[in-house]
Amino acid sequence: MLKSAPKERSATAIVGESIWDVPGERTPKSPNVPASSNNGTSGSLHRPDTIGGQAWNRCRRDDTQLGLPNIGNTCYMNATLQCLFGLHHFINEIRRPGVWRPELGSHLFKSLSDVHSARASGNMHHKAELLRTFKMAVANGFGDFSGDEQQDAHEFLSVLLSQLKEEWESLKRRGALDAHACPVESNFDFRLQVTRTCCRCGAQVFRTEVYSHLSLDIVPQGTLLDSLRHYFKPTQVECRCERCPGQQASVSVKLLSLPRVLVIQLKRFSMDSSWNLTKLENRTQIPQELALNLHCVQNIEAPHEVDRTAGDSIGPLDGLSEEEQIKLAIELSLKGSAPPPAVHDQGRMGQGEKTGAQDHRYTVKSILSHLGQSTTCGHYVSDSADGDSWLTFDDRTVRRSSQENVLQLREKSAYLLFYVYR
């Protein structure tokens, strides 16, 4: 578990999906009072005058507004949230009307949804208050997050997903939910089949384990694909066979089911021979796509089809104030234009159920990185795909970049990778 005091500093997210293409983001009416921490912001980006496609979605909006204020060594939390907010299917299921009711104690679902709703606002004071409420909701179940110390982003993600599942089950037991599946289970959970084979007689023992992420060793001078191959490579263990005198067994792992979102942790922090925590800065090439067919059982269970009723439809005017909507409508009327249809995600989850194993591919969506050479100080940032380019989130600072630059830049610092099933 990494708990390092951050050393705040600047950092230098695929196709067809925009950060702005999310429902319910409204600008709060309260005045914009910036939070006191991490005051650096980037300049406004040029917004195109034409209306149509991605230009429509970014019209009259500033990417820098998507930043989150640091409320006290919370770069680990901000970077994690930005990665989750880029997962539109997951967020839509979190925000699905009627899946939770605040009066029944769904504090974590409610506070997460509130932060997401305020994300497109430039009101940093309002965001800071919502982030404190959200952080408190997490800390109520895991006290390590109650203070202002820097925490490990992977641990925070694991705790958050676990608490969301627990809150969902609690609401379900009280009859507060409909028949929909838990957003964490339907997006992140997957099953592994662990097979132990006796090296003497060939007797096999099978076990099924449920995971929400893969933790991979970094292969020196290797790629992410090399790390995956190393993870699924059979290993030899000492084990007494129940059918013969054999004392050696081979253990192999295969995927029984695939998640909609594959989260990969790169083990950048490890103990040396003196039991000191060290950070590995080995380069790991990050591919745009991952093919997992070599690591799947023959009849692999692919992610279920996305429920299109989750969340509201994504309209082109979402995120604009009423005055801006009226003004934009007038401009469109004068130009003889009509608003484009709602933008939906390009990929259809579940297509793998109808195709061969060779089609089980994932596309990189977000990257969470730890900057700094030491385990006692550092800083977390995240990058997320946004249409045909990427956005880099450094607390309040947001910059636009290209996929090529991001994948190359994060080879030595990538800590958590988020891949979405095609």
Protein backbone atom coordinates (compact mmCIF):
# COMPACT_ATOMS: atom_id res chain seq x y z
CA MET A 1 0.00 0.00 0.00
CA LEU A 2 1.54 3.26 -1.12
CA LYS A 3 1.01 6.27 1.07
CA SER A 4 3.26 9.05 -0.10
CA ALA A 5 3.13 12.76 0.56
CA PRO A 6 2.53 14.37 -2.83
CA LYS A 7 4.89 16.83 -4.32
CA GLU A 8 2.46 18.84 -6.43
CA ARG A 9 3.68 19.66 -9.92
CA SER A 10 2.36 19.95 -13.45
CA ALA A 11 2.11 16.99 -15.83
CA THR A 12 2.74 17.07 -19.58
CA ALA A 13 -7.82 10.95 -22.83
CA ILE A 14 -11.16 6.57 -28.37
CA VAL A 15 -12.54 7.52 -31.21
CA GLY A 16 -16.10 8.89 -31.49
CA GLU A 17 -16.64 9.46 -27.76
CA SER A 18 -16.45 12.88 -26.17
CA ILE A 19 -15.93 13.85 -22.54
CA TRP A 20 -18.84 16.23 -22.99
CA ASP A 21 -21.19 13.48 -24.20
CA VAL A 22 -22.58 12.78 -20.75
CA PRO A 23 -26.02 13.59 -19.31
CA GLY A 24 -26.94 15.85 -16.48
CA GLU A 25 -23.98 18.22 -16.35
CA ARG A 26 -25.42 21.61 -15.44
CA THR A 27 -23.63 24.76 -14.42
CA PRO A 28 -24.44 25.67 -10.77
CA LYS A 29 -25.91 29.12 -10.26
CA SER A 30 -23.66 29.98 -7.31
CA PRO A 31 -20.70 32.32 -7.99
CA ASN A 32 -17.35 30.93 -9.00
CA VAL A 33 -15.10 31.00 -5.93
CA PRO A 34 -11.90 29.00 -6.53
CA ALA A 35 -10.64 26.57 -3.95
CA SER A 36 -7.41 27.49 -2.23
CA SER A 37 -5.37 24.41 -3.19
CA ASN A 38 -3.44 23.87 -6.40
CA ASN A 39 -4.29 27.13 -8.10
CA GLY A 40 -2.68 26.44 -11.48
CA THR A 41 -5.04 26.45 -14.45
CA SER A 42 -4.41 26.26 -18.13
CA GLY A 43 -5.59 28.82 -20.63
CA SER A 44 -8.89 28.56 -22.47
CA LEU A 45 -8.91 26.37 -25.53
CA HIS A 46 -10.18 27.56 -28.89
CA ARG A 47 -13.81 26.60 -29.44
CA PRO A 48 -14.95 26.18 -33.04
CA ASP A 49 -17.65 28.39 -34.42
CA THR A 50 -19.18 25.70 -36.57
CA ILE A 51 -21.98 23.57 -35.21
CA GLY A 52 -21.91 19.86 -35.92
CA GLY A 53 -20.37 16.63 -34.65
CA GLN A 54 -17.82 17.18 -31.91
CA ALA A 55 -17.78 20.89 -32.62
CA TRP A 56 -21.38 21.01 -31.39
CA ASN A 57 -20.58 19.24 -28.15
CA ARG A 58 -17.70 21.58 -27.33
CA CYS A 59 -19.46 24.74 -28.46
CA ARG A 60 -19.38 27.42 -25.77
CA ARG A 61 -17.58 25.08 -23.41
CA ASP A 62 -14.08 25.11 -22.03
CA ASP A 63 -12.23 21.87 -21.40
CA THR A 64 -10.46 23.48 -18.45
CA GLN A 65 -13.77 23.53 -16.57
CA LEU A 66 -13.62 19.74 -16.29
CA GLY A 67 -10.83 19.94 -13.72
CA LEU A 68 -11.30 19.07 -10.05
CA PRO A 69 -9.83 21.12 -7.18
CA ASN A 70 -7.29 19.54 -4.84
CA ILE A 71 -8.83 19.73 -1.35
CA GLY A 72 -5.73 18.53 0.48
CA ASN A 73 -3.42 15.93 -1.06
CA THR A 74 -6.32 14.46 -3.02
CA CYS A 75 -4.68 14.12 -6.43
CA TYR A 76 -5.09 10.34 -6.02
CA MET A 77 -8.86 10.78 -5.70
CA ASN A 78 -9.20 13.34 -8.50
CA ALA A 79 -7.20 11.25 -10.96
CA THR A 80 -9.28 8.16 -10.14
CA LEU A 81 -12.57 10.02 -10.54
CA GLN A 82 -11.55 11.45 -13.92
CA CYS A 83 -10.84 7.92 -15.17
CA LEU A 84 -14.22 6.69 -13.92
CA PHE A 85 -16.07 9.68 -15.38
CA GLY A 86 -14.72 8.74 -18.80
CA LEU A 87 -16.52 5.38 -18.57
CA HIS A 88 -19.89 6.50 -19.87
CA HIS A 89 -21.74 3.20 -19.47
CA PHE A 90 -20.68 2.90 -15.84
CA ILE A 91 -21.62 6.49 -15.01
CA ASN A 92 -24.98 6.15 -16.78
CA GLU A 93 -25.77 3.11 -14.64
CA ILE A 94 -24.71 4.97 -11.49
CA ARG A 95 -27.06 7.81 -12.47
CA ARG A 96 -29.93 5.63 -13.66
CA PRO A 97 -33.22 7.15 -12.42
CA GLY A 98 -34.69 5.16 -9.56
CA VAL A 99 -31.73 2.91 -8.79
CA TRP A 100 -31.07 4.66 -5.49
CA ARG A 101 -32.88 6.95 -3.10
CA PRO A 102 -30.92 9.29 -0.79
CA GLU A 103 -33.38 8.83 2.07
CA LEU A 104 -32.48 5.13 2.19
CA GLY A 105 -28.81 5.81 2.85
CA SER A 106 -27.30 5.63 -0.64
CA HIS A 107 -24.77 8.28 0.34
CA LEU A 108 -21.91 7.05 -1.81
CA PHE A 109 -23.99 6.71 -4.99
CA LYS A 110 -25.52 10.12 -4.33
CA SER A 111 -22.24 11.93 -3.65
CA LEU A 112 -20.50 10.33 -6.66
CA SER A 113 -23.38 11.37 -8.89
CA ASP A 114 -23.28 14.91 -7.49
CA VAL A 115 -19.57 15.30 -8.26
CA HIS A 116 -20.16 14.07 -11.80
CA SER A 117 -23.07 16.49 -12.28
CA ALA A 118 -20.92 19.46 -11.25
CA ARG A 119 -17.90 18.37 -13.25
CA ALA A 120 -18.60 20.58 -16.29
CA SER A 121 -19.00 23.64 -14.08
CA GLY A 122 -16.24 26.18 -13.59
CA ASN A 123 -17.40 26.69 -10.01
CA MET A 124 -14.42 25.22 -8.13
CA HIS A 125 -15.84 26.19 -4.74
CA HIS A 126 -18.97 24.13 -5.39
CA LYS A 127 -16.88 21.21 -6.67
CA ALA A 128 -14.67 21.34 -3.57
CA GLU A 129 -17.67 21.04 -1.28
CA LEU A 130 -19.03 18.08 -3.24
CA LEU A 131 -15.60 16.40 -3.22
CA ARG A 132 -15.40 16.76 0.58
CA THR A 133 -18.81 15.13 0.91
CA PHE A 134 -17.79 12.32 -1.41
CA LYS A 135 -14.46 11.78 0.37
CA MET A 136 -16.27 11.66 3.72
CA ALA A 137 -18.70 9.05 2.38
CA VAL A 138 -15.75 6.85 1.39
CA ALA A 139 -13.93 7.48 4.68
CA ASN A 140 -16.99 6.42 6.69
CA GLY A 141 -16.30 2.89 5.53
CA PHE A 142 -12.50 3.11 5.33
CA GLY A 143 -10.93 5.43 7.87
CA ASP A 144 -7.56 5.75 6.11
CA PHE A 145 -9.13 8.23 3.71
CA SER A 146 -10.42 10.55 6.45
CA GLY A 147 -7.22 12.59 6.78
CA ASP A 148 -5.20 14.77 4.44
CA GLU A 149 -2.40 12.28 3.79
CA GLN A 150 -1.59 11.18 0.28
CA GLN A 151 -3.01 7.74 -0.49
CA ASP A 152 -2.52 5.07 -3.11
CA ALA A 153 -4.81 5.52 -6.12
CA HIS A 154 -5.16 1.79 -6.71
CA GLU A 155 -6.21 1.22 -3.11
CA PHE A 156 -8.70 4.08 -3.38
CA LEU A 157 -10.24 2.61 -6.53
CA SER A 158 -10.50 -0.85 -4.97
CA VAL A 159 -12.13 0.51 -1.80
CA LEU A 160 -14.54 2.71 -3.77
CA LEU A 161 -15.74 -0.14 -6.01
CA SER A 162 -16.08 -2.46 -3.01
CA GLN A 163 -18.11 0.11 -1.07
CA LEU A 164 -20.37 0.81 -4.05
CA LYS A 165 -21.11 -2.93 -4.26
CA GLU A 166 -21.84 -3.09 -0.53
CA GLU A 167 -24.15 -0.09 -0.68
CA TRP A 168 -25.94 -1.59 -3.69
CA GLU A 169 -26.49 -4.88 -1.85
CA SER A 170 -27.78 -3.01 1.21
CA LEU A 171 -30.29 -1.08 -0.88
CA LYS A 172 -31.29 -4.27 -2.70
CA ARG A 173 -32.00 -6.08 0.58
CA ARG A 174 -34.35 -3.26 1.57
CA GLY A 175 -36.19 -3.44 -1.74
CA ALA A 176 -35.03 0.00 -2.85
CA LEU A 177 -33.76 -1.15 -6.25
CA ASP A 178 -35.22 -2.50 -9.43
CA ALA A 179 -33.98 -5.60 -11.20
CA HIS A 180 -30.91 -3.96 -12.72
CA ALA A 181 -27.48 -5.38 -11.99
CA CYS A 182 -24.95 -3.63 -9.78
CA PRO A 183 -22.97 -1.12 -11.91
CA VAL A 184 -19.69 -2.36 -10.45
CA GLU A 185 -20.44 -6.01 -11.20
CA SER A 186 -21.77 -5.34 -14.71
CA ASN A 187 -18.78 -3.20 -15.69
CA PHE A 188 -15.71 -4.34 -13.77
CA ASP A 189 -16.14 -7.86 -12.38
CA PHE A 190 -14.89 -10.93 -14.22
CA ARG A 191 -14.14 -14.57 -13.40
CA LEU A 192 -10.88 -16.47 -13.65
CA GLN A 193 -10.58 -20.26 -13.86
CA VAL A 194 -7.58 -21.55 -11.93
CA THR A 195 -6.57 -25.09 -12.92
CA ARG A 196 -4.11 -27.16 -10.89
CA THR A 197 -2.69 -30.16 -12.75
CA CYS A 198 -0.63 -32.86 -11.06
CA CYS A 199 2.71 -33.22 -12.88
CA ARG A 200 2.75 -36.99 -12.17
CA CYS A 201 -0.74 -38.32 -12.92
CA GLY A 202 -2.41 -35.38 -14.67
CA ALA A 203 -5.30 -35.09 -12.18
CA GLN A 204 -6.89 -31.65 -12.30
CA VAL A 205 -8.58 -29.45 -9.73
CA PHE A 206 -10.57 -26.40 -10.82
CA ARG A 207 -11.33 -23.22 -8.87
CA THR A 208 -13.20 -20.05 -9.87
CA GLU A 209 -12.17 -16.63 -8.58
CA VAL A 210 -13.83 -13.22 -9.08
CA TYR A 211 -11.75 -10.11 -9.73
CA SER A 212 -12.36 -6.47 -10.62
CA HIS A 213 -8.83 -5.85 -11.99
CA LEU A 214 -5.60 -7.56 -13.00
CA SER A 215 -2.34 -6.77 -11.20
CA LEU A 216 0.57 -7.35 -13.59
CA ASP A 217 4.30 -7.50 -13.01
CA ILE A 218 6.34 -5.14 -15.18
CA VAL A 219 8.50 -7.08 -17.61
CA PRO A 220 11.85 -5.26 -18.07
CA GLN A 221 12.12 -3.81 -21.59
CA GLY A 222 8.74 -5.36 -22.31
CA THR A 223 5.25 -4.32 -23.31
CA LEU A 224 1.87 -4.61 -21.67
CA LEU A 225 1.29 -7.71 -23.78
CA ASP A 226 4.44 -9.25 -22.29
CA SER A 227 3.11 -8.54 -18.80
CA LEU A 228 -0.18 -10.22 -19.70
CA ARG A 229 1.61 -13.29 -21.04
CA HIS A 230 3.69 -13.46 -17.87
CA TYR A 231 0.52 -13.30 -15.73
CA PHE A 232 -1.20 -16.14 -17.59
CA LYS A 233 1.93 -18.26 -17.93
CA PRO A 234 1.61 -21.65 -16.12
CA THR A 235 3.67 -21.91 -12.93
CA GLN A 236 5.06 -24.84 -10.97
CA VAL A 237 4.11 -25.22 -7.31
CA GLU A 238 4.67 -27.76 -4.59
CA CYS A 239 1.39 -29.49 -3.98
CA ARG A 240 0.42 -32.94 -2.76
CA CYS A 241 -1.82 -34.80 -5.17
CA GLU A 242 -4.93 -36.47 -3.74
CA ARG A 243 -4.78 -39.30 -6.30
CA CYS A 244 -1.09 -40.20 -6.40
CA PRO A 245 2.16 -39.57 -4.49
CA GLY A 246 2.95 -36.61 -6.71
CA GLN A 247 4.32 -33.49 -4.98
CA GLN A 248 4.50 -31.08 -7.94
CA ALA A 249 1.66 -29.40 -9.82
CA SER A 250 1.26 -26.93 -12.68
CA VAL A 251 -1.11 -24.01 -12.10
CA SER A 252 -2.67 -22.23 -15.09
CA VAL A 253 -5.14 -19.33 -15.26
CA LYS A 254 -7.74 -18.59 -17.93
CA LEU A 255 -10.49 -16.03 -18.25
CA LEU A 256 -13.98 -17.51 -17.75
CA SER A 257 -15.75 -14.22 -18.35
CA LEU A 258 -14.77 -10.81 -19.66
CA PRO A 259 -15.49 -7.44 -18.04
CA ARG A 260 -16.93 -4.49 -19.89
CA VAL A 261 -14.06 -2.43 -18.47
CA LEU A 262 -10.71 -4.13 -17.93
CA VAL A 263 -8.67 -2.38 -15.24
CA ILE A 264 -4.98 -3.25 -15.19
CA GLN A 265 -2.64 -2.30 -12.38
CA LEU A 266 1.05 -2.19 -13.22
CA LYS A 267 3.07 -3.14 -10.13
CA ARG A 268 5.34 -0.11 -9.97
CA PHE A 269 5.90 -0.38 -6.22
CA SER A 270 7.72 -3.35 -4.71
CA MET A 271 9.93 -4.37 -1.80
CA ASP A 272 13.66 -4.71 -2.33
CA SER A 273 15.93 -7.21 -0.56
CA SER A 274 16.07 -4.89 2.47
CA TRP A 275 12.25 -4.66 2.64
CA ASN A 276 12.27 -1.06 1.50
CA LEU A 277 9.48 0.12 -0.80
CA THR A 278 10.86 1.12 -4.18
CA LYS A 279 9.35 2.39 -7.40
CA LEU A 280 9.98 0.79 -10.78
CA GLU A 281 10.27 3.19 -13.69
CA ASN A 282 10.79 0.58 -16.38
CA ARG A 283 9.21 1.52 -19.67
CA THR A 284 6.12 -0.47 -20.58
CA GLN A 285 4.76 0.02 -24.08
CA ILE A 286 1.02 0.70 -23.89
CA PRO A 287 -0.94 -0.59 -26.92
CA GLN A 288 -4.06 1.10 -28.18
CA GLU A 289 -5.79 -2.30 -28.35
CA LEU A 290 -5.56 -5.55 -26.42
CA ALA A 291 -6.62 -8.94 -27.78
CA LEU A 292 -7.33 -11.44 -24.99
CA ASN A 293 -8.30 -14.49 -27.05
CA LEU A 294 -5.11 -16.37 -26.06
CA HIS A 295 -6.02 -16.09 -22.39
CA CYS A 296 -9.70 -17.12 -22.59
CA VAL A 297 -11.43 -20.47 -22.17
CA GLN A 298 -13.06 -21.80 -25.32
CA ASN A 299 -16.62 -20.77 -24.41
CA ILE A 300 -15.76 -17.43 -22.85
CA GLU A 301 -18.63 -15.33 -21.50
CA ALA A 302 -18.48 -11.88 -23.08
CA PRO A 303 -19.88 -8.72 -21.48
CA HIS A 304 -23.64 -8.36 -21.62
CA GLU A 305 -25.27 -6.03 -24.07
CA VAL A 306 -25.43 -2.47 -22.79
CA ASP A 307 -28.79 -1.48 -21.35
CA ARG A 308 -29.72 1.61 -23.36
CA THR A 309 -32.26 2.63 -20.70
CA ALA A 310 -29.45 3.45 -18.28
CA GLY A 311 -29.33 7.18 -17.77
CA ASP A 312 -30.87 9.85 -19.90
CA SER A 313 -30.31 10.34 -23.60
CA ILE A 314 -27.37 12.55 -24.35
CA GLY A 315 -28.56 15.72 -25.97
CA PRO A 316 -26.48 18.40 -27.68
CA LEU A 317 -27.66 21.08 -25.23
CA ASP A 318 -26.69 19.20 -22.08
CA GLY A 319 -24.35 21.24 -19.91
CA LEU A 320 -25.50 24.65 -21.26
CA SER A 321 -27.47 27.11 -19.18
CA GLU A 322 -31.02 27.98 -20.21
CA GLU A 323 -29.87 31.36 -21.53
CA GLU A 324 -27.11 29.73 -23.59
CA GLN A 325 -29.53 27.13 -24.96
CA ILE A 326 -31.94 29.83 -26.13
CA LYS A 327 -29.17 31.90 -27.70
CA LEU A 328 -27.68 28.87 -29.44
CA ALA A 329 -31.11 27.80 -30.72
CA ILE A 330 -31.60 31.26 -32.25
CA GLU A 331 -28.21 31.08 -33.96
CA LEU A 332 -29.04 27.67 -35.36
CA SER A 333 -32.39 28.89 -36.60
CA LEU A 334 -30.73 31.78 -38.44
CA LYS A 335 -28.23 29.36 -39.99
CA GLY A 336 -30.95 26.90 -40.93
CA SER A 337 -29.30 24.16 -38.91
CA ALA A 338 -30.87 21.49 -36.80
CA PRO A 339 -29.23 20.03 -33.68
CA PRO A 340 -27.47 16.76 -34.34
CA PRO A 341 -28.92 13.60 -32.84
CA ALA A 342 -27.87 12.44 -29.41
CA VAL A 343 -24.36 11.05 -29.32
CA HIS A 344 -24.01 7.49 -28.09
CA ASP A 345 -21.00 5.30 -27.54
CA GLN A 346 -19.64 3.75 -30.71
CA GLY A 347 -18.97 0.28 -29.42
CA ARG A 348 -21.71 -2.19 -28.57
CA MET A 349 -20.80 -4.29 -25.58
CA GLY A 350 -21.73 -7.89 -26.01
CA GLN A 351 -20.84 -8.25 -29.67
CA GLY A 352 -18.28 -10.79 -28.55
CA GLU A 353 -21.15 -13.12 -27.66
CA LYS A 354 -21.90 -13.46 -31.36
CA THR A 355 -18.35 -13.66 -32.69
CA GLY A 356 -15.28 -15.82 -32.25
CA ALA A 357 -12.74 -15.52 -29.48
CA GLN A 358 -10.38 -13.65 -31.79
CA ASP A 359 -12.76 -10.67 -31.63
CA HIS A 360 -12.43 -10.16 -27.88
CA ARG A 361 -10.59 -6.86 -28.07
CA TYR A 362 -10.26 -3.91 -25.74
CA THR A 363 -9.46 -0.29 -26.53
CA VAL A 364 -7.55 1.95 -24.12
CA LYS A 365 -9.79 4.60 -22.58
CA SER A 366 -7.94 6.11 -19.62
CA ILE A 367 -4.54 6.01 -17.95
CA LEU A 368 -3.78 6.95 -14.35
CA SER A 369 -0.12 7.75 -13.73
CA HIS A 370 2.12 8.30 -10.72
CA LEU A 371 4.75 10.99 -11.28
CA GLY A 372 7.93 11.09 -9.23
CA GLN A 373 10.86 8.76 -8.67
CA SER A 374 10.28 8.20 -4.97
CA THR A 375 7.62 6.29 -3.04
CA THR A 376 7.62 8.98 -0.34
CA CYS A 377 6.57 11.81 -2.65
CA GLY A 378 4.78 12.02 -5.94
CA HIS A 379 1.73 13.17 -7.79
CA TYR A 380 -1.15 11.46 -9.61
CA VAL A 381 -2.55 12.59 -12.97
CA SER A 382 -4.85 10.93 -15.48
CA ASP A 383 -5.40 10.96 -19.24
CA SER A 384 -8.71 10.10 -20.92
CA ALA A 385 -9.75 9.67 -24.53
CA ASP A 386 -12.05 12.42 -25.78
CA GLY A 387 -13.26 11.88 -29.31
CA ASP A 388 -10.23 11.83 -31.63
CA SER A 389 -7.89 13.36 -29.04
CA TRP A 390 -7.07 13.00 -25.35
CA LEU A 391 -7.42 15.17 -22.24
CA THR A 392 -4.82 15.27 -19.47
CA PHE A 393 -6.24 15.95 -15.99
CA ASP A 394 -3.87 17.39 -13.37
CA ASP A 395 -6.30 18.36 -10.60
CA ARG A 396 -7.74 21.69 -11.81
CA THR A 397 -5.50 21.88 -14.86
CA VAL A 398 -6.80 20.26 -18.06
CA ARG A 399 -4.85 20.06 -21.29
CA ARG A 400 -5.64 18.56 -24.68
CA SER A 401 -3.17 16.14 -26.25
CA SER A 402 -2.97 13.35 -28.81
CA GLN A 403 -3.19 9.62 -28.22
CA GLU A 404 0.29 9.09 -29.62
CA ASN A 405 1.82 11.60 -27.21
CA VAL A 406 -0.05 10.22 -24.20
CA LEU A 407 0.79 6.56 -24.82
CA GLN A 408 4.46 7.42 -25.28
CA LEU A 409 4.65 9.86 -22.35
CA ARG A 410 3.12 7.42 -19.83
CA GLU A 411 5.34 4.43 -20.58
CA LYS A 412 7.40 5.05 -17.41
CA SER A 413 4.63 6.34 -15.13
CA ALA A 414 1.40 4.46 -16.02
CA TYR A 415 -0.04 2.84 -12.88
CA LEU A 416 -3.67 2.03 -13.72
CA LEU A 417 -4.94 1.33 -17.25
CA PHE A 418 -8.62 1.32 -18.21
CA TYR A 419 -9.52 -0.67 -21.35
CA VAL A 420 -13.08 -0.81 -22.72
CA TYR A 421 -14.47 -3.87 -24.50
CA ARG A 422 -15.19 -3.33 -28.20
